[in-house]
N, C-alpha and C. Protein backbone atom coordinates (compact mmCIF):
# COMPACT_ATOMS: atom_id res chain seq x y z
N MET A 1 15.52 10.17 0.46
CA MET A 1 15.16 9.53 -0.80
C MET A 1 14.40 8.24 -0.53
N ILE A 2 13.18 8.16 -1.01
CA ILE A 2 12.33 6.98 -0.84
C ILE A 2 12.47 6.10 -2.07
N SER A 3 12.51 4.78 -1.84
CA SER A 3 12.56 3.83 -2.96
C SER A 3 11.73 2.60 -2.63
N LEU A 4 11.28 1.92 -3.69
CA LEU A 4 10.59 0.64 -3.57
C LEU A 4 11.57 -0.44 -3.99
N ARG A 5 11.66 -1.49 -3.19
CA ARG A 5 12.57 -2.59 -3.51
C ARG A 5 11.85 -3.92 -3.36
N SER A 6 12.39 -4.91 -4.04
CA SER A 6 11.84 -6.27 -3.93
C SER A 6 12.00 -6.79 -2.52
N ILE A 7 11.09 -7.67 -2.15
CA ILE A 7 11.22 -8.38 -0.88
C ILE A 7 11.76 -9.75 -1.20
N ASP A 8 12.86 -10.10 -0.55
CA ASP A 8 13.52 -11.37 -0.82
C ASP A 8 14.09 -11.93 0.49
N GLN A 9 14.95 -12.91 0.37
CA GLN A 9 15.46 -13.57 1.57
C GLN A 9 16.32 -12.63 2.42
N SER A 10 16.80 -11.54 1.84
CA SER A 10 17.66 -10.63 2.61
C SER A 10 16.86 -9.65 3.48
N ASN A 11 15.58 -9.42 3.18
CA ASN A 11 14.85 -8.40 3.93
C ASN A 11 13.46 -8.80 4.41
N TRP A 12 12.99 -10.01 4.08
CA TRP A 12 11.62 -10.36 4.46
C TRP A 12 11.43 -10.39 5.97
N GLU A 13 12.45 -10.86 6.70
CA GLU A 13 12.30 -10.92 8.16
C GLU A 13 12.24 -9.52 8.76
N ALA A 14 13.01 -8.59 8.21
CA ALA A 14 12.94 -7.20 8.68
C ALA A 14 11.56 -6.61 8.35
N CYS A 15 11.00 -6.98 7.20
CA CYS A 15 9.66 -6.48 6.82
C CYS A 15 8.60 -6.91 7.83
N ILE A 16 8.71 -8.12 8.33
CA ILE A 16 7.66 -8.58 9.25
C ILE A 16 7.80 -7.94 10.63
N GLN A 17 8.93 -7.30 10.89
CA GLN A 17 9.12 -6.60 12.16
C GLN A 17 8.53 -5.19 12.15
N LEU A 18 8.24 -4.67 10.96
CA LEU A 18 7.65 -3.33 10.87
C LEU A 18 6.26 -3.32 11.50
N LYS A 19 5.95 -2.25 12.20
CA LYS A 19 4.65 -2.18 12.88
C LYS A 19 4.06 -0.78 12.72
N PRO A 20 2.73 -0.71 12.51
CA PRO A 20 2.08 0.60 12.54
C PRO A 20 1.98 1.06 13.99
N LYS A 21 1.51 2.28 14.19
CA LYS A 21 1.26 2.74 15.56
C LYS A 21 0.22 1.83 16.19
N GLN A 22 0.27 1.70 17.50
CA GLN A 22 -0.63 0.78 18.20
C GLN A 22 -2.10 1.03 17.85
N GLU A 23 -2.48 2.30 17.78
CA GLU A 23 -3.88 2.62 17.48
C GLU A 23 -4.26 2.31 16.03
N GLN A 24 -3.27 2.02 15.18
CA GLN A 24 -3.52 1.68 13.79
C GLN A 24 -3.51 0.17 13.56
N GLY A 25 -3.16 -0.59 14.56
CA GLY A 25 -2.98 -2.03 14.41
C GLY A 25 -4.18 -2.76 13.83
N GLY A 26 -5.38 -2.31 14.15
CA GLY A 26 -6.58 -2.98 13.66
C GLY A 26 -6.95 -2.60 12.24
N PHE A 27 -6.21 -1.68 11.64
CA PHE A 27 -6.56 -1.19 10.30
C PHE A 27 -5.96 -2.02 9.17
N ILE A 28 -4.95 -2.85 9.44
CA ILE A 28 -4.23 -3.51 8.36
C ILE A 28 -3.76 -4.89 8.80
N ALA A 29 -3.75 -5.82 7.84
CA ALA A 29 -3.21 -7.15 8.11
C ALA A 29 -1.70 -7.03 8.35
N SER A 30 -1.16 -7.98 9.08
CA SER A 30 0.28 -7.94 9.35
C SER A 30 1.08 -8.15 8.06
N ASN A 31 2.30 -7.66 8.07
CA ASN A 31 3.17 -7.86 6.92
C ASN A 31 3.50 -9.34 6.73
N LEU A 32 3.61 -10.09 7.82
CA LEU A 32 3.84 -11.53 7.72
C LEU A 32 2.70 -12.19 6.95
N TYR A 33 1.46 -11.86 7.32
CA TYR A 33 0.31 -12.42 6.61
C TYR A 33 0.33 -12.02 5.14
N SER A 34 0.63 -10.75 4.86
CA SER A 34 0.62 -10.26 3.48
C SER A 34 1.68 -10.94 2.64
N ILE A 35 2.87 -11.12 3.18
CA ILE A 35 3.95 -11.80 2.44
C ILE A 35 3.53 -13.24 2.15
N ALA A 36 2.98 -13.91 3.16
CA ALA A 36 2.51 -15.29 2.95
C ALA A 36 1.40 -15.33 1.90
N GLU A 37 0.45 -14.41 1.99
CA GLU A 37 -0.66 -14.35 1.04
C GLU A 37 -0.15 -14.16 -0.39
N SER A 38 0.88 -13.34 -0.56
CA SER A 38 1.40 -13.05 -1.90
C SER A 38 1.97 -14.30 -2.57
N LYS A 39 2.39 -15.28 -1.80
CA LYS A 39 2.95 -16.50 -2.37
C LYS A 39 1.88 -17.34 -3.05
N PHE A 40 0.62 -17.10 -2.72
CA PHE A 40 -0.50 -17.82 -3.32
C PHE A 40 -1.25 -16.98 -4.35
N LEU A 41 -0.84 -15.73 -4.48
CA LEU A 41 -1.45 -14.80 -5.44
C LEU A 41 -0.32 -14.21 -6.28
N PRO A 42 0.13 -14.96 -7.29
CA PRO A 42 1.33 -14.54 -8.04
C PRO A 42 1.20 -13.21 -8.77
N HIS A 43 -0.03 -12.72 -8.97
CA HIS A 43 -0.21 -11.42 -9.63
C HIS A 43 0.02 -10.24 -8.68
N MET A 44 0.19 -10.51 -7.39
CA MET A 44 0.43 -9.45 -6.41
C MET A 44 1.90 -9.06 -6.39
N LYS A 45 2.15 -7.76 -6.33
CA LYS A 45 3.50 -7.25 -6.16
C LYS A 45 3.65 -6.89 -4.69
N ILE A 46 4.74 -7.34 -4.09
CA ILE A 46 5.04 -6.91 -2.72
C ILE A 46 6.34 -6.12 -2.77
N LYS A 47 6.35 -5.01 -2.08
CA LYS A 47 7.50 -4.11 -2.11
C LYS A 47 7.87 -3.65 -0.71
N ALA A 48 9.16 -3.58 -0.48
CA ALA A 48 9.69 -2.95 0.72
C ALA A 48 9.89 -1.48 0.41
N ILE A 49 9.56 -0.63 1.36
CA ILE A 49 9.73 0.81 1.20
C ILE A 49 10.95 1.21 2.02
N TYR A 50 11.89 1.85 1.36
CA TYR A 50 13.13 2.28 2.01
C TYR A 50 13.24 3.79 2.01
N PHE A 51 13.79 4.32 3.09
CA PHE A 51 14.27 5.70 3.15
C PHE A 51 15.78 5.58 3.18
N GLU A 52 16.40 6.00 2.08
CA GLU A 52 17.83 5.77 1.88
C GLU A 52 18.08 4.27 2.02
N GLU A 53 18.83 3.83 3.03
CA GLU A 53 19.10 2.39 3.19
C GLU A 53 18.33 1.78 4.37
N ILE A 54 17.36 2.52 4.89
CA ILE A 54 16.61 2.06 6.06
C ILE A 54 15.23 1.57 5.61
N LEU A 55 14.89 0.35 5.96
CA LEU A 55 13.57 -0.22 5.66
C LEU A 55 12.54 0.46 6.56
N ILE A 56 11.53 1.08 5.94
CA ILE A 56 10.55 1.83 6.73
C ILE A 56 9.10 1.41 6.48
N GLY A 57 8.84 0.61 5.43
CA GLY A 57 7.45 0.31 5.14
C GLY A 57 7.27 -0.86 4.20
N PHE A 58 6.01 -1.15 3.91
CA PHE A 58 5.62 -2.31 3.12
C PHE A 58 4.40 -1.97 2.27
N ALA A 59 4.35 -2.55 1.08
CA ALA A 59 3.17 -2.35 0.22
C ALA A 59 2.90 -3.64 -0.57
N MET A 60 1.62 -3.87 -0.86
CA MET A 60 1.21 -4.98 -1.71
C MET A 60 0.12 -4.45 -2.65
N TYR A 61 0.31 -4.69 -3.94
CA TYR A 61 -0.65 -4.21 -4.92
C TYR A 61 -0.64 -5.11 -6.14
N GLY A 62 -1.73 -5.04 -6.91
CA GLY A 62 -1.84 -5.85 -8.11
C GLY A 62 -3.22 -5.74 -8.71
N ILE A 63 -3.41 -6.50 -9.79
CA ILE A 63 -4.70 -6.48 -10.48
C ILE A 63 -5.67 -7.43 -9.78
N ASP A 64 -6.84 -6.91 -9.47
CA ASP A 64 -7.88 -7.68 -8.82
C ASP A 64 -8.59 -8.54 -9.87
N SER A 65 -8.71 -9.82 -9.59
CA SER A 65 -9.34 -10.73 -10.55
C SER A 65 -10.83 -10.47 -10.70
N ASP A 66 -11.47 -9.83 -9.73
CA ASP A 66 -12.90 -9.55 -9.82
C ASP A 66 -13.24 -8.41 -10.77
N ASP A 67 -12.45 -7.32 -10.72
CA ASP A 67 -12.81 -6.17 -11.57
C ASP A 67 -11.75 -5.80 -12.61
N GLY A 68 -10.60 -6.46 -12.59
CA GLY A 68 -9.57 -6.20 -13.59
C GLY A 68 -8.79 -4.91 -13.40
N ASN A 69 -8.97 -4.25 -12.27
CA ASN A 69 -8.25 -3.00 -11.98
C ASN A 69 -7.13 -3.24 -10.98
N TYR A 70 -6.16 -2.34 -11.00
CA TYR A 70 -5.12 -2.35 -9.97
C TYR A 70 -5.72 -1.90 -8.65
N TRP A 71 -5.33 -2.60 -7.59
CA TRP A 71 -5.71 -2.26 -6.22
C TRP A 71 -4.46 -2.20 -5.36
N VAL A 72 -4.41 -1.23 -4.46
CA VAL A 72 -3.38 -1.23 -3.42
C VAL A 72 -4.03 -1.91 -2.23
N TYR A 73 -3.57 -3.13 -1.95
CA TYR A 73 -4.18 -3.94 -0.89
C TYR A 73 -3.59 -3.64 0.48
N ARG A 74 -2.31 -3.40 0.52
CA ARG A 74 -1.65 -3.12 1.80
C ARG A 74 -0.67 -1.97 1.60
N PHE A 75 -0.63 -1.10 2.58
CA PHE A 75 0.32 0.00 2.56
C PHE A 75 0.55 0.42 4.00
N MET A 76 1.79 0.38 4.43
CA MET A 76 2.08 0.80 5.80
C MET A 76 3.48 1.37 5.90
N ILE A 77 3.61 2.32 6.81
CA ILE A 77 4.89 2.90 7.19
C ILE A 77 5.07 2.60 8.68
N ASP A 78 6.26 2.12 9.04
CA ASP A 78 6.55 1.80 10.43
C ASP A 78 6.29 3.01 11.33
N GLU A 79 5.84 2.72 12.55
CA GLU A 79 5.47 3.78 13.49
C GLU A 79 6.59 4.79 13.72
N GLN A 80 7.84 4.34 13.68
CA GLN A 80 8.97 5.24 13.94
C GLN A 80 9.19 6.26 12.81
N PHE A 81 8.61 5.99 11.64
CA PHE A 81 8.90 6.83 10.47
C PHE A 81 7.67 7.56 9.94
N GLN A 82 6.56 7.50 10.68
CA GLN A 82 5.35 8.19 10.25
C GLN A 82 5.46 9.69 10.55
N GLY A 83 4.67 10.47 9.81
CA GLY A 83 4.60 11.90 10.05
C GLY A 83 5.73 12.70 9.43
N ARG A 84 6.49 12.08 8.53
CA ARG A 84 7.64 12.76 7.91
C ARG A 84 7.48 12.92 6.41
N GLY A 85 6.30 12.56 5.87
CA GLY A 85 6.08 12.67 4.43
C GLY A 85 6.51 11.45 3.64
N HIS A 86 7.03 10.43 4.32
CA HIS A 86 7.50 9.23 3.63
C HIS A 86 6.35 8.47 2.99
N GLY A 87 5.20 8.42 3.65
CA GLY A 87 4.05 7.71 3.11
C GLY A 87 3.59 8.32 1.79
N LYS A 88 3.52 9.63 1.75
CA LYS A 88 3.11 10.32 0.54
C LYS A 88 4.10 10.05 -0.60
N SER A 89 5.39 10.13 -0.31
CA SER A 89 6.41 9.86 -1.32
C SER A 89 6.34 8.42 -1.81
N ALA A 90 6.14 7.49 -0.89
CA ALA A 90 6.07 6.07 -1.26
C ALA A 90 4.83 5.79 -2.10
N MET A 91 3.68 6.37 -1.73
CA MET A 91 2.46 6.15 -2.51
C MET A 91 2.61 6.70 -3.92
N LYS A 92 3.29 7.83 -4.07
CA LYS A 92 3.54 8.37 -5.41
C LYS A 92 4.39 7.40 -6.23
N LEU A 93 5.37 6.75 -5.59
CA LEU A 93 6.20 5.76 -6.30
C LEU A 93 5.37 4.55 -6.72
N ILE A 94 4.45 4.12 -5.88
CA ILE A 94 3.58 2.99 -6.22
C ILE A 94 2.72 3.37 -7.43
N ILE A 95 2.15 4.57 -7.41
CA ILE A 95 1.33 5.02 -8.54
C ILE A 95 2.18 5.04 -9.81
N GLU A 96 3.40 5.55 -9.72
CA GLU A 96 4.28 5.59 -10.89
C GLU A 96 4.64 4.19 -11.37
N ASP A 97 4.87 3.27 -10.44
CA ASP A 97 5.18 1.89 -10.82
C ASP A 97 4.01 1.28 -11.58
N ILE A 98 2.81 1.46 -11.07
CA ILE A 98 1.62 0.93 -11.76
C ILE A 98 1.46 1.61 -13.11
N ARG A 99 1.62 2.91 -13.15
CA ARG A 99 1.47 3.68 -14.39
C ARG A 99 2.45 3.21 -15.47
N SER A 100 3.62 2.74 -15.08
CA SER A 100 4.66 2.34 -16.04
C SER A 100 4.52 0.90 -16.53
N ARG A 101 3.62 0.14 -15.96
CA ARG A 101 3.48 -1.28 -16.31
C ARG A 101 2.67 -1.46 -17.59
N ASP A 102 2.99 -2.51 -18.33
CA ASP A 102 2.27 -2.83 -19.57
C ASP A 102 0.80 -3.16 -19.29
N ASP A 103 0.53 -3.73 -18.11
CA ASP A 103 -0.85 -4.11 -17.77
C ASP A 103 -1.57 -3.05 -16.94
N ARG A 104 -1.08 -1.81 -16.99
CA ARG A 104 -1.68 -0.73 -16.18
C ARG A 104 -3.17 -0.59 -16.52
N THR A 105 -3.90 -0.09 -15.57
CA THR A 105 -5.33 0.14 -15.75
C THR A 105 -5.60 1.64 -15.62
N ASP A 106 -6.79 2.05 -16.04
CA ASP A 106 -7.14 3.47 -16.03
C ASP A 106 -7.31 4.03 -14.63
N VAL A 107 -7.63 3.15 -13.68
CA VAL A 107 -7.83 3.60 -12.30
C VAL A 107 -7.09 2.65 -11.35
N ILE A 108 -6.79 3.19 -10.17
CA ILE A 108 -6.22 2.41 -9.08
C ILE A 108 -7.18 2.57 -7.91
N TRP A 109 -7.53 1.46 -7.29
CA TRP A 109 -8.45 1.48 -6.15
C TRP A 109 -7.73 1.12 -4.87
N LEU A 110 -8.28 1.55 -3.77
CA LEU A 110 -7.87 1.08 -2.45
C LEU A 110 -9.03 1.25 -1.50
N GLY A 111 -8.93 0.58 -0.39
CA GLY A 111 -9.96 0.69 0.64
C GLY A 111 -9.31 0.88 2.00
N TYR A 112 -10.01 1.57 2.89
CA TYR A 112 -9.50 1.77 4.24
C TYR A 112 -10.67 1.90 5.21
N GLN A 113 -10.37 1.66 6.46
CA GLN A 113 -11.40 1.78 7.49
C GLN A 113 -11.87 3.23 7.56
N PRO A 114 -13.19 3.45 7.61
CA PRO A 114 -13.72 4.82 7.57
C PRO A 114 -13.21 5.70 8.71
N ASP A 115 -12.83 5.11 9.84
CA ASP A 115 -12.35 5.93 10.95
C ASP A 115 -10.83 6.11 10.94
N ASN A 116 -10.17 5.68 9.89
CA ASN A 116 -8.73 5.85 9.77
C ASN A 116 -8.46 7.20 9.08
N GLU A 117 -8.50 8.24 9.89
CA GLU A 117 -8.37 9.61 9.37
C GLU A 117 -6.99 9.86 8.75
N GLN A 118 -5.96 9.26 9.31
CA GLN A 118 -4.61 9.43 8.77
C GLN A 118 -4.53 8.88 7.34
N ALA A 119 -5.12 7.71 7.12
CA ALA A 119 -5.13 7.12 5.77
C ALA A 119 -5.93 8.00 4.82
N ARG A 120 -7.08 8.47 5.26
CA ARG A 120 -7.93 9.32 4.42
C ARG A 120 -7.14 10.54 3.93
N LYS A 121 -6.45 11.21 4.84
CA LYS A 121 -5.69 12.41 4.48
C LYS A 121 -4.53 12.07 3.54
N LEU A 122 -3.84 11.00 3.82
CA LEU A 122 -2.70 10.61 2.97
C LEU A 122 -3.17 10.32 1.55
N TYR A 123 -4.17 9.47 1.40
CA TYR A 123 -4.62 9.08 0.07
C TYR A 123 -5.20 10.26 -0.70
N ALA A 124 -5.93 11.14 -0.02
CA ALA A 124 -6.47 12.33 -0.68
C ALA A 124 -5.32 13.24 -1.15
N SER A 125 -4.24 13.30 -0.39
CA SER A 125 -3.13 14.20 -0.73
C SER A 125 -2.40 13.78 -2.00
N VAL A 126 -2.52 12.52 -2.41
CA VAL A 126 -1.87 12.07 -3.66
C VAL A 126 -2.87 11.91 -4.79
N GLY A 127 -4.15 12.24 -4.56
CA GLY A 127 -5.13 12.25 -5.64
C GLY A 127 -6.19 11.17 -5.63
N PHE A 128 -6.30 10.39 -4.56
CA PHE A 128 -7.39 9.42 -4.46
C PHE A 128 -8.66 10.15 -4.03
N ASN A 129 -9.77 9.80 -4.68
CA ASN A 129 -11.07 10.39 -4.37
C ASN A 129 -12.00 9.32 -3.82
N GLU A 130 -12.61 9.62 -2.68
CA GLU A 130 -13.53 8.66 -2.09
C GLU A 130 -14.71 8.43 -3.01
N SER A 131 -15.14 7.14 -3.08
CA SER A 131 -16.27 6.83 -3.95
C SER A 131 -17.38 6.10 -3.23
N GLY A 132 -17.29 5.98 -1.92
CA GLY A 132 -18.37 5.36 -1.15
C GLY A 132 -17.91 4.13 -0.41
N MET A 133 -18.84 3.59 0.37
CA MET A 133 -18.54 2.44 1.22
C MET A 133 -18.69 1.14 0.46
N ALA A 134 -17.76 0.23 0.71
CA ALA A 134 -17.82 -1.12 0.14
C ALA A 134 -18.75 -1.97 1.00
N PRO A 135 -19.32 -3.03 0.43
CA PRO A 135 -20.18 -3.91 1.22
C PRO A 135 -19.47 -4.51 2.43
N TRP A 136 -18.14 -4.61 2.37
CA TRP A 136 -17.38 -5.20 3.48
C TRP A 136 -16.97 -4.16 4.52
N GLY A 137 -17.44 -2.90 4.38
CA GLY A 137 -17.26 -1.91 5.43
C GLY A 137 -16.11 -0.95 5.28
N GLU A 138 -15.38 -1.01 4.18
CA GLU A 138 -14.28 -0.07 3.97
C GLU A 138 -14.73 1.09 3.09
N MET A 139 -14.09 2.24 3.31
CA MET A 139 -14.26 3.36 2.39
C MET A 139 -13.40 3.05 1.16
N LEU A 140 -13.99 3.17 -0.02
CA LEU A 140 -13.26 2.94 -1.25
C LEU A 140 -12.81 4.29 -1.82
N ALA A 141 -11.62 4.30 -2.39
CA ALA A 141 -11.10 5.51 -3.00
C ALA A 141 -10.45 5.13 -4.33
N LYS A 142 -10.59 6.03 -5.30
CA LYS A 142 -10.15 5.76 -6.67
C LYS A 142 -9.18 6.84 -7.12
N TYR A 143 -8.13 6.40 -7.82
CA TYR A 143 -7.16 7.31 -8.42
C TYR A 143 -7.25 7.13 -9.93
N SER A 144 -7.45 8.21 -10.66
CA SER A 144 -7.50 8.13 -12.12
C SER A 144 -6.09 8.30 -12.66
N VAL A 145 -5.62 7.29 -13.40
CA VAL A 145 -4.24 7.24 -13.85
C VAL A 145 -3.96 8.28 -14.92
N HIS A 146 -4.92 8.67 -15.69
CA HIS A 146 -4.68 9.63 -16.80
C HIS A 146 -4.39 11.00 -16.30
């Protein structure tokens, strides 16, 4: 059973210990950086991803001030828990969380490095469609909430 939980004083240190696989390290900012960043961006939601009572991942998402849409800025599953379907289940929960919010938007965006094949497959499997390259070098993908 996958769940999203708040990050607070009881679990933030465990969150910063989570690591992607070594070959994925260059694809995402550290959880420590993301947690710190969220303190200066109050519209960002940060969530710990749990499998039963075990912390396995981290996510950060919110409304982008530039385009007014929800974006998933960070999403990671610890290297020890990858390849078991947890990422797909967690991403579905994030989509449902956004869908249930009063400030939900019609689309959810995310970006990933074009050579991150694992991310491409995961996001496509939950309904994100690639829409082209961003000026900053990431592949952009869009999920239609309706």
